[in-house]
Amino acid sequence: MKLNRYSYLLAIFIFIDLYAEIKIIIDQFTFYALYFAFLRHPLAFFMIFTFPYLNMKLNKLKLFN
């Protein structure tokens, strides 16, 4: 599987995992809802924040191969 396809697939699974939380936050934004979204899905939020860095590193590795 190509790295770009892997990255896109990972992003899709992350947003599927966070779909309910994102829906609640968009309907009624409160800091309380945002706080509990971070508590319930720490790995998903970590991946969202580090996704650009991870994608850049994977693309650099692909250039060397």
C-alpha atoms as a PDB file:
ATOM      1  CA  MET A   1       0.000   0.000   0.000  1.00  0.00           C
ATOM      2  CA  LYS A   2       1.367   3.406  -0.913  1.00  0.00           C
ATOM      3  CA  LEU A   3       2.150   5.818   1.889  1.00  0.00           C
ATOM      4  CA  ASN A   4      -0.276   8.469   0.662  1.00  0.00           C
ATOM      5  CA  ARG A   5      -3.121   5.946   0.605  1.00  0.00           C
ATOM      6  CA  TYR A   6      -2.165   4.853   4.097  1.00  0.00           C
ATOM      7  CA  SER A   7      -2.223   8.474   5.274  1.00  0.00           C
ATOM      8  CA  TYR A   8      -5.635   9.118   3.744  1.00  0.00           C
ATOM      9  CA  LEU A   9      -7.020   5.905   5.186  1.00  0.00           C
ATOM     10  CA  LEU A  10      -5.682   6.846   8.613  1.00  0.00           C
ATOM     11  CA  ALA A  11      -7.299  10.286   8.384  1.00  0.00           C
ATOM     12  CA  ILE A  12     -10.636   8.764   7.397  1.00  0.00           C
ATOM     13  CA  PHE A  13     -10.589   6.378  10.365  1.00  0.00           C
ATOM     14  CA  ILE A  14      -9.680   9.215  12.727  1.00  0.00           C
ATOM     15  CA  PHE A  15     -12.613  11.340  11.588  1.00  0.00           C
ATOM     16  CA  ILE A  16     -14.986   8.367  11.736  1.00  0.00           C
ATOM     17  CA  ASP A  17     -13.892   7.855  15.342  1.00  0.00           C
ATOM     18  CA  LEU A  18     -14.460  11.516  16.154  1.00  0.00           C
ATOM     19  CA  TYR A  19     -17.687  11.950  14.167  1.00  0.00           C
ATOM     20  CA  ALA A  20     -20.033  12.035  17.179  1.00  0.00           C
ATOM     21  CA  GLU A  21     -17.783  14.397  19.119  1.00  0.00           C
ATOM     22  CA  ILE A  22     -17.371  16.740  16.157  1.00  0.00           C
ATOM     23  CA  LYS A  23     -21.152  16.759  15.647  1.00  0.00           C
ATOM     24  CA  ILE A  24     -21.746  17.724  19.298  1.00  0.00           C
ATOM     25  CA  ILE A  25     -19.091  20.437  19.191  1.00  0.00           C
ATOM     26  CA  ILE A  26     -20.472  21.934  15.965  1.00  0.00           C
ATOM     27  CA  ASP A  27     -24.084  21.886  17.230  1.00  0.00           C
ATOM     28  CA  GLN A  28     -23.300  23.579  20.525  1.00  0.00           C
ATOM     29  CA  PHE A  29     -19.747  24.660  21.090  1.00  0.00           C
ATOM     30  CA  THR A  30     -18.751  24.684  24.721  1.00  0.00           C
ATOM     31  CA  PHE A  31     -15.336  24.332  26.242  1.00  0.00           C
ATOM     32  CA  TYR A  32     -16.773  21.529  28.360  1.00  0.00           C
ATOM     33  CA  ALA A  33     -17.620  19.522  25.214  1.00  0.00           C
ATOM     34  CA  LEU A  34     -14.189  20.232  23.763  1.00  0.00           C
ATOM     35  CA  TYR A  35     -12.536  19.144  27.008  1.00  0.00           C
ATOM     36  CA  PHE A  36     -14.390  15.832  27.099  1.00  0.00           C
ATOM     37  CA  ALA A  37     -13.716  15.232  23.404  1.00  0.00           C
ATOM     38  CA  PHE A  38     -10.001  15.458  24.190  1.00  0.00           C
ATOM     39  CA  LEU A  39     -10.397  13.165  27.191  1.00  0.00           C
ATOM     40  CA  ARG A  40     -12.375  10.505  25.329  1.00  0.00           C
ATOM     41  CA  HIS A  41     -10.211  10.426  22.170  1.00  0.00           C
ATOM     42  CA  PRO A  42      -6.652  11.458  23.058  1.00  0.00           C
ATOM     43  CA  LEU A  43      -4.986   9.312  20.381  1.00  0.00           C
ATOM     44  CA  ALA A  44      -7.241  10.619  17.619  1.00  0.00           C
ATOM     45  CA  PHE A  45      -6.564  14.244  18.541  1.00  0.00           C
ATOM     46  CA  PHE A  46      -2.843  13.551  18.812  1.00  0.00           C
ATOM     47  CA  MET A  47      -2.895  12.054  15.318  1.00  0.00           C
ATOM     48  CA  ILE A  48      -4.802  15.043  13.914  1.00  0.00           C
ATOM     49  CA  PHE A  49      -2.271  17.478  15.362  1.00  0.00           C
ATOM     50  CA  THR A  50       0.756  15.457  14.249  1.00  0.00           C
ATOM     51  CA  PHE A  51      -0.670  14.365  10.876  1.00  0.00           C
ATOM     52  CA  PRO A  52       1.092  17.087   8.807  1.00  0.00           C
ATOM     53  CA  TYR A  53       4.453  16.254  10.400  1.00  0.00           C
ATOM     54  CA  LEU A  54       3.915  12.518   9.932  1.00  0.00           C
ATOM     55  CA  ASN A  55       2.886  12.984   6.304  1.00  0.00           C
ATOM     56  CA  MET A  56       5.959  15.137   5.622  1.00  0.00           C
ATOM     57  CA  LYS A  57       8.288  12.537   7.156  1.00  0.00           C
ATOM     58  CA  LEU A  58       6.663   9.677   5.244  1.00  0.00           C
ATOM     59  CA  ASN A  59       7.007  11.572   1.969  1.00  0.00           C
ATOM     60  CA  LYS A  60      10.700  12.235   2.659  1.00  0.00           C
ATOM     61  CA  LEU A  61      11.259   8.534   3.314  1.00  0.00           C
ATOM     62  CA  LYS A  62       9.488   7.702   0.071  1.00  0.00           C
ATOM     63  CA  LEU A  63      11.885   9.963  -1.876  1.00  0.00           C
ATOM     64  CA  PHE A  64      14.927   8.082  -0.570  1.00  0.00           C
ATOM     65  CA  ASN A  65      13.571   4.657  -1.597  1.00  0.00           C
END
